[in-house]
Amino acid sequence: MADDDEQLGRRRFLGVSAAAVAGLALGCGDGTGEGEDGAVPGLDAGARDAGGADGGADGGEGEDGGRDAGPPEPVVPPESTPEVDAFGLGVASGDVTADAAILWARYDGAMPLAAVVFRLDAAGGYAEQLPRLPASPAEGGFVHVEVRGLTPGARYRYAFFEMDGDARVARSPIGAFRAAIAPSAMEPLVIGAVSCTSNGRDKPTLERAGEREDLDVFLMLGDTTYNDGSSSVAQYRAKWAESLASAGWRSVRRATSVLATWDDHEVDNNFDPERDDVTDALSVMFENLPLRRDASAPDRLYKRVRWGLTAEVFVLDCRGERRRSMNEYLSRAQLDWLKAGLADSPCVFKIIANSVPIGDFPFPSESDRWEGFPAQREEILRYVDEAPIDGVIWVSGDFHFASFGRVGANDRALGWNQREVLAGPGAQTGNPAQLLLRAPQYEWSSMTNNYTTLELDPARRRARVAWHDRDATVLQTSEIVF
């Protein structure tokens, strides 16, 4: 751990105010290793450094966070209130748009709670304290609050406070997020991503991601927790808590907002939604993530979120809607939604958060990925190729290795001009199938545990992709220019 001077040096731009004194087998198999615990250093001494949500995804889970609750209050820095141990899974924010965000915690105490959000100024000091929001825990202690009326592109800090009347008694860890940039804005962005973080394993790659100050949003691509064998709400909750209590997930989730989907291990290895009851698994997943629920389809996971004219992120559900009996990898509604969204997006980059890869890979077991559903795979790849849709980047997980390559196997195949980035594994055993990847389709691959970043430069129409290991060493940098 760095000393206090080093921590503050890494976060100098945050401008802490003087007054204010975070095997070859394919797919994500299970793994074991030593556990971890501990707080994330440094964030409480500072803060981390848009678009809108998908049409039809109005409202959210939790309290109403409208700014009509009253005028801004005098700023009382959250650091002035002591932290309490009643928030064992830390805090998180997610599904952030240009004017709204979902805030999350799990609270194990008995005091009344309020969420307070602070807007930062350009120097990183506190510019505004938004009116506090009631934060009532649901069964299990889970708290979801939607805050609205955000300033596009602004950076924020937030905390949940135990309240004695109007007095703050104690608080959660302090989290941070950035509001999505305004719908007409075009500026560089940095997106993080990871997949496959096995329970019981140390997650130093995520701790390194959580130490960064430049992540605008972080993609959770699935297999965030390994719940295999669980069959009740209590068992699923215990597995989620085991994963999210790790220092790695506490670190990255408090440092920036997330966009999340699932893969198979949130339910069970290679679960079949036509056969398996996923009701409890899905319910507990919504409890543990800062997700905005779609008012018309509250169990829907797929969504699109815009960050100005720079990027639109399409979060897919590649597991819950599979129907092998109908040769459907995605529901017809989801596939049509994806095609229509790609066609009408005005953004330079279209990032598809895809839990299981779509590329042509030179090894078997294709029945568990897009290649096992050839009609739909051909439909979406042909649509992107022939429309054509510019700026598409597939960002995928599941395989326990990182790679950068073309979707199509050769220059005569569908998807040759489309790029796929495999992110992670964040905490898993590397898959030696990576050794089978060859040029010219694949530029690079690695079994090393990592998190991934995409630096998006819309003026140059360039995406710079990098993979980072547990020591913050950059394993590889690759570029896509459209």
Protein backbone atom coordinates (compact mmCIF):
# COMPACT_ATOMS: atom_id res chain seq x y z
CA MET A 1 0.00 0.00 0.00
CA ALA A 2 1.32 3.43 -0.85
CA ASP A 3 1.76 5.93 1.94
CA ASP A 4 -0.59 8.86 2.34
CA ASP A 5 1.52 11.22 0.24
CA GLU A 6 1.66 8.74 -2.63
CA GLN A 7 -2.10 8.17 -2.45
CA LEU A 8 -2.81 11.86 -2.57
CA GLY A 9 -0.29 12.30 -5.38
CA ARG A 10 -2.15 9.78 -7.55
CA ARG A 11 -5.34 11.70 -6.92
CA ARG A 12 -4.03 15.28 -7.04
CA PHE A 13 -6.59 16.38 -9.62
CA LEU A 14 -9.34 15.50 -7.18
CA GLY A 15 -8.57 18.68 -5.31
CA VAL A 16 -9.42 17.70 -1.77
CA SER A 17 -10.56 20.95 -0.22
CA ALA A 18 -8.89 22.33 2.87
CA ALA A 19 -12.21 22.27 4.61
CA ALA A 20 -12.86 18.56 3.69
CA VAL A 21 -10.32 17.27 5.58
CA ALA A 22 -11.42 4.26 -2.98
CA GLY A 23 -7.46 -26.26 -18.87
CA LEU A 24 -8.54 -26.16 -22.53
CA ALA A 25 -12.12 -26.29 -21.36
CA LEU A 26 -14.04 -23.38 -22.84
CA GLY A 27 -16.27 -20.98 -21.02
CA CYS A 28 -16.04 -19.94 -17.38
CA GLY A 29 -15.56 -23.03 -15.30
CA ASP A 30 -15.31 -22.75 -11.54
CA GLY A 31 -12.04 -22.16 -9.72
CA THR A 32 -10.79 -21.90 -6.19
CA GLY A 33 -8.10 -19.94 -4.45
CA GLU A 34 -7.30 -17.92 -1.39
CA GLY A 35 -9.83 -15.35 -0.34
CA GLU A 36 -9.22 -11.73 0.53
CA ASP A 37 -10.55 -8.88 2.52
CA GLY A 38 -9.69 -5.31 3.27
CA ALA A 39 -10.69 -1.75 2.46
CA VAL A 40 -9.82 0.06 -0.73
CA PRO A 41 -7.10 2.62 0.05
CA GLY A 42 -7.21 6.27 -0.80
CA LEU A 43 -10.61 7.00 -2.29
CA ASP A 44 -12.02 8.63 0.82
CA ALA A 45 -9.32 11.27 0.55
CA GLY A 46 -10.56 12.34 -2.86
CA ALA A 47 -12.82 11.43 -5.72
CA ARG A 48 -12.82 9.92 -9.22
CA ASP A 49 -13.30 11.60 -12.17
CA ALA A 50 -23.69 10.81 -21.37
CA GLY A 51 -26.77 10.22 -23.68
CA GLY A 52 -29.61 8.60 -21.99
CA ALA A 53 -30.92 5.21 -21.11
CA ASP A 54 -32.63 2.92 -23.55
CA GLY A 55 -36.05 4.06 -24.69
CA GLY A 56 -38.68 2.24 -22.70
CA ALA A 57 -36.40 1.79 -19.69
CA ASP A 58 -37.98 4.54 -17.66
CA GLY A 59 -37.88 4.73 -13.91
CA GLY A 60 -35.76 2.69 -11.55
CA GLU A 61 -35.65 0.55 -8.48
CA GLY A 62 -35.67 2.38 -5.18
CA GLU A 63 -36.59 5.87 -4.10
CA ASP A 64 -37.50 8.79 -6.33
CA GLY A 65 -34.38 10.89 -6.78
CA GLY A 66 -35.86 13.93 -8.50
CA ARG A 67 -34.18 17.29 -7.95
CA ASP A 68 -37.57 18.80 -7.12
CA ALA A 69 -37.01 17.75 -3.50
CA GLY A 70 -35.71 21.23 -2.73
CA PRO A 71 -32.84 23.64 -3.32
CA PRO A 72 -29.21 22.56 -2.93
CA GLU A 73 -28.08 22.29 0.66
CA PRO A 74 -24.93 23.77 2.17
CA VAL A 75 -22.04 21.39 1.49
CA VAL A 76 -21.04 19.26 4.47
CA PRO A 77 -18.22 17.01 3.18
CA PRO A 78 -18.90 13.32 3.74
CA GLU A 79 -15.40 12.86 5.19
CA SER A 80 -16.56 14.80 8.24
CA THR A 81 -18.77 11.83 9.24
CA PRO A 82 -17.08 8.62 10.46
CA GLU A 83 -17.38 5.44 8.40
CA VAL A 84 -19.18 2.46 9.94
CA ASP A 85 -18.80 -1.27 9.23
CA ALA A 86 -22.49 -1.83 8.43
CA PHE A 87 -21.91 -1.69 4.64
CA GLY A 88 -19.96 -4.90 4.19
CA LEU A 89 -20.21 -5.00 0.39
CA GLY A 90 -19.28 -1.35 -0.07
CA VAL A 91 -21.22 0.90 -2.40
CA ALA A 92 -21.87 0.98 -6.14
CA SER A 93 -23.47 3.09 -8.84
CA GLY A 94 -24.76 2.03 -12.21
CA ASP A 95 -26.87 2.57 -15.33
CA VAL A 96 -25.70 6.18 -15.30
CA THR A 97 -27.17 8.53 -17.90
CA ALA A 98 -26.65 12.23 -18.54
CA ASP A 99 -29.08 13.14 -15.77
CA ALA A 100 -29.64 10.09 -13.54
CA ALA A 101 -27.87 7.26 -11.72
CA ILE A 102 -28.74 4.26 -9.58
CA LEU A 103 -26.95 4.16 -6.21
CA TRP A 104 -26.58 0.88 -4.31
CA ALA A 105 -25.53 -0.56 -0.96
CA ARG A 106 -26.33 -3.45 1.34
CA TYR A 107 -26.94 -2.24 4.88
CA ASP A 108 -26.70 -4.50 7.92
CA GLY A 109 -27.61 -1.90 10.55
CA ALA A 110 -30.86 -0.60 12.06
CA MET A 111 -30.68 3.20 11.68
CA PRO A 112 -32.69 5.29 9.20
CA LEU A 113 -30.65 5.92 6.03
CA ALA A 114 -30.27 8.77 3.57
CA ALA A 115 -28.23 9.01 0.38
CA VAL A 116 -26.38 12.25 -0.28
CA VAL A 117 -24.77 13.14 -3.61
CA PHE A 118 -22.09 15.80 -4.10
CA ARG A 119 -21.17 17.42 -7.41
CA LEU A 120 -17.51 18.23 -7.86
CA ASP A 121 -16.04 21.31 -9.48
CA ALA A 122 -13.34 21.28 -12.15
CA ALA A 123 -10.62 21.12 -9.51
CA GLY A 124 -12.24 18.17 -7.75
CA GLY A 125 -13.58 20.15 -4.79
CA TYR A 126 -17.17 20.07 -3.62
CA ALA A 127 -19.32 22.42 -5.68
CA GLU A 128 -22.81 21.35 -4.65
CA GLN A 129 -24.61 19.07 -2.22
CA LEU A 130 -27.84 17.71 -3.66
CA PRO A 131 -30.89 17.33 -1.40
CA ARG A 132 -30.63 14.10 0.57
CA LEU A 133 -32.71 11.15 -0.58
CA PRO A 134 -34.47 8.62 1.64
CA ALA A 135 -32.83 5.21 1.35
CA SER A 136 -35.00 2.45 2.76
CA PRO A 137 -33.42 -1.04 2.69
CA ALA A 138 -35.52 -3.79 1.14
CA GLU A 139 -35.64 -7.31 2.52
CA GLY A 140 -32.07 -8.53 2.85
CA GLY A 141 -30.77 -5.02 3.48
CA PHE A 142 -30.42 -4.06 -0.18
CA VAL A 143 -30.71 -0.34 -0.97
CA HIS A 144 -31.36 1.06 -4.45
CA VAL A 145 -31.84 4.80 -4.88
CA GLU A 146 -32.20 6.71 -8.13
CA VAL A 147 -30.77 10.21 -8.15
CA ARG A 148 -31.98 12.51 -10.92
CA GLY A 149 -31.25 15.99 -12.14
CA LEU A 150 -27.52 15.41 -12.67
CA THR A 151 -25.36 17.76 -14.71
CA PRO A 152 -24.19 15.99 -17.91
CA GLY A 153 -20.51 15.07 -17.77
CA ALA A 154 -20.08 16.20 -14.16
CA ARG A 155 -18.26 14.11 -11.58
CA TYR A 156 -19.97 13.15 -8.35
CA ARG A 157 -19.33 11.58 -5.00
CA TYR A 158 -21.96 9.97 -2.80
CA ALA A 159 -22.45 8.14 0.48
CA PHE A 160 -25.23 6.55 2.51
CA PHE A 161 -25.62 8.07 5.98
CA GLU A 162 -27.10 6.71 9.17
CA MET A 163 -29.40 9.46 10.36
CA ASP A 164 -30.58 10.58 13.78
CA GLY A 165 -33.28 13.00 12.75
CA ASP A 166 -31.46 15.49 10.54
CA ALA A 167 -28.04 14.64 11.97
CA ARG A 168 -25.56 12.36 10.18
CA VAL A 169 -24.29 9.77 12.63
CA ALA A 170 -22.15 7.48 10.47
CA ARG A 171 -21.68 6.67 6.81
CA SER A 172 -20.87 4.09 4.19
CA PRO A 173 -17.68 4.15 2.14
CA ILE A 174 -17.69 7.08 -0.28
CA GLY A 175 -18.33 6.23 -3.92
CA ALA A 176 -17.80 8.15 -7.13
CA PHE A 177 -19.22 8.26 -10.63
CA ARG A 178 -19.41 10.51 -13.65
CA ALA A 179 -22.68 11.49 -15.31
CA ALA A 180 -22.79 10.58 -18.99
CA ILE A 181 -21.84 13.44 -21.27
CA ALA A 182 -24.57 15.52 -22.89
CA PRO A 183 -26.40 14.08 -25.93
CA SER A 184 -24.70 16.54 -28.29
CA ALA A 185 -21.23 16.28 -26.73
CA MET A 186 -18.30 14.50 -28.33
CA GLU A 187 -15.20 13.96 -26.23
CA PRO A 188 -12.77 11.15 -25.36
CA LEU A 189 -13.94 8.47 -22.95
CA VAL A 190 -12.30 5.58 -21.08
CA ILE A 191 -14.34 2.40 -20.58
CA GLY A 192 -13.15 -0.47 -18.40
CA ALA A 193 -14.25 -4.11 -18.66
CA VAL A 194 -13.76 -7.51 -17.05
CA SER A 195 -15.29 -10.98 -16.94
CA CYS A 196 -14.88 -14.18 -14.94
CA THR A 197 -14.01 -13.30 -11.32
CA SER A 198 -14.17 -16.53 -9.38
CA ASN A 199 -15.29 -16.59 -5.75
CA GLY A 200 -12.49 -17.26 -3.30
CA ARG A 201 -9.76 -15.87 -5.53
CA ASP A 202 -7.86 -12.68 -4.90
CA LYS A 203 -8.83 -9.93 -7.35
CA PRO A 204 -5.82 -7.59 -7.51
CA THR A 205 -6.59 -6.75 -11.14
CA LEU A 206 -9.82 -5.11 -9.96
CA GLU A 207 -7.99 -3.33 -7.16
CA ARG A 208 -5.71 -1.80 -9.81
CA ALA A 209 -8.75 -0.74 -11.85
CA GLY A 210 -10.27 0.83 -8.75
CA GLU A 211 -7.15 2.93 -8.20
CA ARG A 212 -7.62 4.70 -11.53
CA GLU A 213 -9.16 8.16 -11.80
CA ASP A 214 -10.04 8.10 -15.49
CA LEU A 215 -12.59 5.29 -15.87
CA ASP A 216 -15.86 6.82 -17.05
CA VAL A 217 -17.79 3.53 -16.77
CA PHE A 218 -16.94 -0.14 -16.18
CA LEU A 219 -18.49 -3.14 -17.97
CA MET A 220 -19.26 -6.24 -15.89
CA LEU A 221 -19.43 -8.83 -18.68
CA GLY A 222 -20.64 -11.79 -16.64
CA ASP A 223 -19.50 -14.56 -14.31
CA THR A 224 -19.09 -11.90 -11.66
CA THR A 225 -19.88 -14.58 -9.09
CA TYR A 226 -19.80 -18.38 -9.27
CA ASN A 227 -23.10 -19.58 -7.84
CA ASP A 228 -22.97 -23.16 -9.15
CA GLY A 229 -25.05 -25.53 -7.04
CA SER A 230 -27.14 -22.78 -5.42
CA SER A 231 -30.85 -23.49 -5.26
CA SER A 232 -32.36 -20.91 -2.91
CA VAL A 233 -32.42 -17.17 -2.38
CA ALA A 234 -30.26 -17.57 0.74
CA GLN A 235 -27.63 -19.57 -1.15
CA TYR A 236 -27.50 -17.14 -4.08
CA ARG A 237 -27.20 -14.20 -1.68
CA ALA A 238 -24.33 -15.88 0.15
CA LYS A 239 -22.43 -16.45 -3.11
CA TRP A 240 -22.95 -12.88 -4.32
CA ALA A 241 -21.75 -11.58 -0.94
CA GLU A 242 -18.68 -13.81 -1.13
CA SER A 243 -17.70 -12.25 -4.46
CA LEU A 244 -18.65 -8.62 -3.86
CA ALA A 245 -17.03 -8.48 -0.42
CA SER A 246 -13.62 -8.92 -2.07
CA ALA A 247 -11.32 -5.92 -1.99
CA GLY A 248 -11.25 -5.93 -5.79
CA TRP A 249 -14.96 -5.60 -6.38
CA ARG A 250 -15.35 -3.14 -3.49
CA SER A 251 -12.59 -1.04 -5.04
CA VAL A 252 -13.78 -0.81 -8.64
CA ARG A 253 -17.49 -0.50 -7.80
CA ARG A 254 -16.92 2.47 -5.54
CA ALA A 255 -14.52 4.16 -7.99
CA THR A 256 -16.80 4.39 -11.03
CA SER A 257 -20.24 3.39 -12.28
CA VAL A 258 -20.96 0.01 -13.85
CA LEU A 259 -23.02 -1.50 -16.65
CA ALA A 260 -23.69 -5.17 -16.00
CA THR A 261 -24.96 -8.35 -17.60
CA TRP A 262 -24.74 -12.02 -16.67
CA ASP A 263 -23.21 -15.13 -18.15
CA ASP A 264 -23.95 -18.65 -16.88
CA HIS A 265 -22.36 -18.87 -13.41
CA GLU A 266 -24.67 -16.26 -11.93
CA VAL A 267 -27.13 -19.18 -12.16
CA ASP A 268 -25.22 -22.44 -12.80
CA ASN A 269 -22.67 -23.73 -15.27
CA ASN A 270 -24.19 -23.67 -18.80
CA PHE A 271 -27.73 -23.30 -17.48
CA ASP A 272 -30.59 -23.79 -19.93
CA PRO A 273 -33.41 -21.24 -19.56
CA GLU A 274 -35.81 -23.62 -21.31
CA ARG A 275 -35.20 -26.21 -18.59
CA ASP A 276 -33.90 -24.46 -15.47
CA ASP A 277 -35.82 -22.17 -13.13
CA VAL A 278 -33.78 -18.98 -12.89
CA THR A 279 -36.30 -16.95 -10.86
CA ASP A 280 -34.32 -16.86 -7.62
CA ALA A 281 -30.96 -16.36 -9.35
CA LEU A 282 -32.23 -13.40 -11.38
CA SER A 283 -33.99 -11.83 -8.41
CA VAL A 284 -30.82 -11.98 -6.31
CA MET A 285 -28.75 -10.60 -9.17
CA PHE A 286 -31.00 -7.54 -9.33
CA GLU A 287 -30.62 -7.18 -5.56
CA ASN A 288 -26.83 -7.10 -5.78
CA LEU A 289 -26.31 -4.80 -8.77
CA PRO A 290 -27.14 -1.10 -9.32
CA LEU A 291 -29.50 -1.81 -12.21
CA ARG A 292 -32.38 0.32 -13.46
CA ARG A 293 -35.48 -1.84 -13.87
CA ASP A 294 -37.48 -1.45 -17.08
CA ALA A 295 -40.99 -0.43 -16.02
CA SER A 296 -42.63 -2.49 -18.79
CA ALA A 297 -40.29 -5.51 -18.47
CA PRO A 298 -38.68 -5.47 -15.02
CA ASP A 299 -36.64 -8.66 -15.56
CA ARG A 300 -35.11 -7.46 -18.84
CA LEU A 301 -31.32 -7.23 -18.78
CA TYR A 302 -30.50 -5.89 -22.23
CA LYS A 303 -30.30 -2.13 -22.59
CA ARG A 304 -28.51 0.68 -24.42
CA VAL A 305 -26.89 3.71 -22.79
CA ARG A 306 -25.48 6.70 -24.69
CA TRP A 307 -22.46 8.76 -23.78
CA GLY A 308 -23.08 11.78 -25.98
CA LEU A 309 -22.04 11.35 -29.61
CA THR A 310 -18.91 9.45 -28.58
CA ALA A 311 -20.28 6.03 -27.68
CA GLU A 312 -23.42 4.00 -27.27
CA VAL A 313 -23.12 0.85 -25.17
CA PHE A 314 -25.44 -2.05 -26.03
CA VAL A 315 -25.61 -4.48 -23.10
CA LEU A 316 -26.79 -7.90 -24.30
CA ASP A 317 -28.43 -10.79 -22.47
CA CYS A 318 -26.77 -13.78 -24.16
CA ARG A 319 -27.96 -16.39 -21.66
CA GLY A 320 -31.44 -15.75 -20.35
CA GLU A 321 -33.28 -15.75 -23.70
CA ARG A 322 -31.68 -18.74 -25.41
CA ARG A 323 -34.20 -21.12 -26.95
CA ARG A 324 -32.43 -24.08 -28.54
CA SER A 325 -35.76 -25.54 -29.53
CA MET A 326 -36.27 -22.46 -31.72
CA ASN A 327 -32.60 -21.92 -32.70
CA GLU A 328 -32.66 -18.57 -30.88
CA TYR A 329 -29.55 -17.27 -29.15
CA LEU A 330 -31.28 -13.96 -28.44
CA SER A 331 -35.03 -13.51 -28.44
CA ARG A 332 -36.39 -12.14 -31.70
CA ALA A 333 -37.30 -8.97 -29.78
CA GLN A 334 -33.73 -8.52 -28.51
CA LEU A 335 -32.11 -9.19 -31.89
CA ASP A 336 -34.45 -6.74 -33.65
CA TRP A 337 -33.79 -4.21 -30.89
CA LEU A 338 -30.03 -4.57 -31.40
CA LYS A 339 -30.23 -4.15 -35.17
CA ALA A 340 -32.50 -1.12 -34.91
CA GLY A 341 -30.34 0.45 -32.21
CA LEU A 342 -27.13 0.02 -34.17
CA ALA A 343 -28.78 1.53 -37.24
CA ASP A 344 -30.15 4.63 -35.53
CA SER A 345 -27.24 5.34 -33.17
CA PRO A 346 -25.53 8.66 -34.01
CA CYS A 347 -22.44 7.73 -32.00
CA VAL A 348 -18.97 7.22 -33.41
CA PHE A 349 -18.49 3.99 -31.43
CA LYS A 350 -21.06 1.26 -30.91
CA ILE A 351 -19.81 -0.92 -28.06
CA ILE A 352 -21.58 -4.29 -27.78
CA ALA A 353 -21.17 -5.78 -24.29
CA ASN A 354 -21.40 -9.46 -25.17
CA SER A 355 -20.90 -12.04 -22.43
CA VAL A 356 -19.97 -14.93 -24.78
CA PRO A 357 -17.74 -14.30 -27.85
CA ILE A 358 -19.12 -14.09 -31.38
CA GLY A 359 -15.86 -14.62 -33.30
CA ASP A 360 -14.79 -17.65 -35.34
CA PHE A 361 -12.55 -19.54 -32.91
CA PRO A 362 -10.34 -22.49 -33.96
CA PHE A 363 -11.54 -24.97 -31.35
CA PRO A 364 -14.69 -26.96 -30.51
CA SER A 365 -17.55 -26.39 -28.02
CA GLU A 366 -19.16 -23.84 -30.31
CA SER A 367 -22.60 -25.09 -29.24
CA ASP A 368 -22.38 -22.87 -26.16
CA ARG A 369 -21.69 -19.63 -28.01
CA TRP A 370 -22.94 -17.60 -30.98
CA GLU A 371 -21.47 -20.15 -33.39
CA GLY A 372 -23.93 -22.73 -32.08
CA PHE A 373 -26.78 -20.59 -33.39
CA PRO A 374 -25.55 -19.96 -36.95
CA ALA A 375 -28.71 -18.37 -38.37
CA GLN A 376 -28.83 -15.54 -35.83
CA ARG A 377 -25.08 -15.12 -35.86
CA GLU A 378 -25.10 -14.75 -39.63
CA GLU A 379 -28.06 -12.37 -39.42
CA ILE A 380 -26.39 -9.86 -37.11
CA LEU A 381 -22.94 -10.08 -38.72
CA ARG A 382 -24.38 -9.68 -42.22
CA TYR A 383 -26.49 -6.76 -41.05
CA VAL A 384 -23.46 -4.92 -39.65
CA ASP A 385 -21.35 -5.76 -42.73
CA GLU A 386 -23.90 -4.84 -45.36
CA ALA A 387 -25.77 -1.89 -43.83
CA PRO A 388 -22.95 -1.01 -43.18
CA ILE A 389 -22.79 -0.08 -39.50
CA ASP A 390 -19.57 1.77 -38.74
CA GLY A 391 -17.81 1.85 -35.38
CA VAL A 392 -18.94 -1.53 -33.99
CA ILE A 393 -16.69 -3.13 -31.35
CA TRP A 394 -17.71 -6.43 -29.73
CA VAL A 395 -16.45 -6.60 -26.12
CA SER A 396 -16.79 -10.13 -24.76
CA GLY A 397 -15.80 -12.42 -21.89
CA ASP A 398 -16.30 -16.06 -20.81
CA PHE A 399 -13.28 -17.80 -22.40
CA HIS A 400 -10.69 -17.24 -19.62
CA PHE A 401 -8.28 -15.52 -21.94
CA ALA A 402 -7.79 -12.07 -23.42
CA SER A 403 -7.56 -11.53 -27.16
CA PHE A 404 -7.85 -9.02 -29.94
CA GLY A 405 -8.91 -10.08 -33.39
CA ARG A 406 -11.37 -10.06 -36.24
CA VAL A 407 -14.77 -11.70 -35.89
CA GLY A 408 -14.52 -13.51 -39.23
CA ALA A 409 -11.95 -16.26 -39.77
CA ASN A 410 -10.66 -14.83 -43.07
CA ASP A 411 -11.28 -12.02 -45.54
CA ARG A 412 -14.03 -14.01 -47.25
CA ALA A 413 -15.99 -14.62 -44.05
CA LEU A 414 -18.73 -12.53 -42.48
CA GLY A 415 -17.37 -10.26 -39.79
CA TRP A 416 -13.83 -9.93 -41.16
CA ASN A 417 -14.14 -6.15 -40.87
CA GLN A 418 -15.61 -6.33 -37.36
CA ARG A 419 -13.35 -6.40 -34.29
CA GLU A 420 -13.79 -8.34 -31.06
CA VAL A 421 -12.05 -7.62 -27.76
CA LEU A 422 -11.99 -10.35 -25.11
CA ALA A 423 -11.69 -8.88 -21.60
CA GLY A 424 -10.46 -10.75 -18.56
CA PRO A 425 -10.39 -13.17 -16.95
CA GLY A 426 -10.27 -10.99 -13.89
CA ALA A 427 -9.70 -13.83 -11.41
CA GLN A 428 -9.65 -17.27 -13.02
CA THR A 429 -7.38 -20.01 -14.32
CA GLY A 430 -6.17 -19.12 -17.80
CA ASN A 431 -7.44 -21.18 -20.73
CA PRO A 432 -4.67 -22.72 -22.89
CA ALA A 433 -7.00 -22.73 -25.88
CA GLN A 434 -5.57 -19.25 -26.33
CA LEU A 435 -2.47 -20.90 -27.78
CA LEU A 436 -4.47 -21.96 -30.86
CA LEU A 437 -5.17 -18.39 -31.98
CA ARG A 438 -3.19 -17.37 -35.04
CA ALA A 439 -2.58 -14.40 -37.31
CA PRO A 440 -3.91 -12.90 -39.46
CA GLN A 441 -7.26 -13.23 -37.66
CA TYR A 442 -5.84 -12.70 -34.18
CA GLU A 443 -3.30 -10.02 -33.38
CA TRP A 444 -2.74 -10.96 -29.74
CA SER A 445 -3.93 -13.21 -26.90
CA SER A 446 -2.98 -14.03 -23.32
CA MET A 447 -4.05 -16.25 -20.39
CA THR A 448 -2.89 -13.67 -17.84
CA ASN A 449 -5.54 -12.35 -15.47
CA ASN A 450 -6.37 -8.78 -16.46
CA TYR A 451 -8.88 -5.99 -16.76
CA THR A 452 -9.32 -4.20 -20.06
CA THR A 453 -9.70 -0.55 -21.09
CA LEU A 454 -10.98 1.08 -24.26
CA GLU A 455 -9.82 4.66 -24.76
CA LEU A 456 -12.23 6.17 -27.27
CA ASP A 457 -11.09 9.19 -29.29
CA PRO A 458 -14.05 10.26 -31.44
CA ALA A 459 -12.19 13.07 -33.24
CA ARG A 460 -9.66 10.58 -34.58
CA ARG A 461 -12.26 7.79 -34.78
CA ARG A 462 -9.75 5.67 -32.90
CA ALA A 463 -10.20 3.15 -30.09
CA ARG A 464 -7.08 2.18 -28.17
CA VAL A 465 -7.52 -1.10 -26.31
CA ALA A 466 -5.22 -2.11 -23.45
CA TRP A 467 -5.02 -5.09 -21.09
CA HIS A 468 -3.66 -4.53 -17.57
CA ASP A 469 -2.39 -7.16 -15.11
CA ARG A 470 -2.39 -7.33 -11.32
CA ASP A 471 0.66 -5.05 -11.12
CA ALA A 472 -0.88 -2.41 -13.42
CA THR A 473 1.54 -3.48 -16.16
CA VAL A 474 0.12 -3.02 -19.67
CA LEU A 475 0.23 -6.43 -21.33
CA GLN A 476 -0.77 -5.22 -24.78
CA THR A 477 -2.10 -2.17 -26.59
CA SER A 478 -4.03 -2.47 -29.85
CA GLU A 479 -5.83 0.10 -31.97
CA ILE A 480 -8.97 0.19 -34.06
CA VAL A 481 -9.43 3.09 -36.48
CA PHE A 482 -12.72 3.56 -38.29
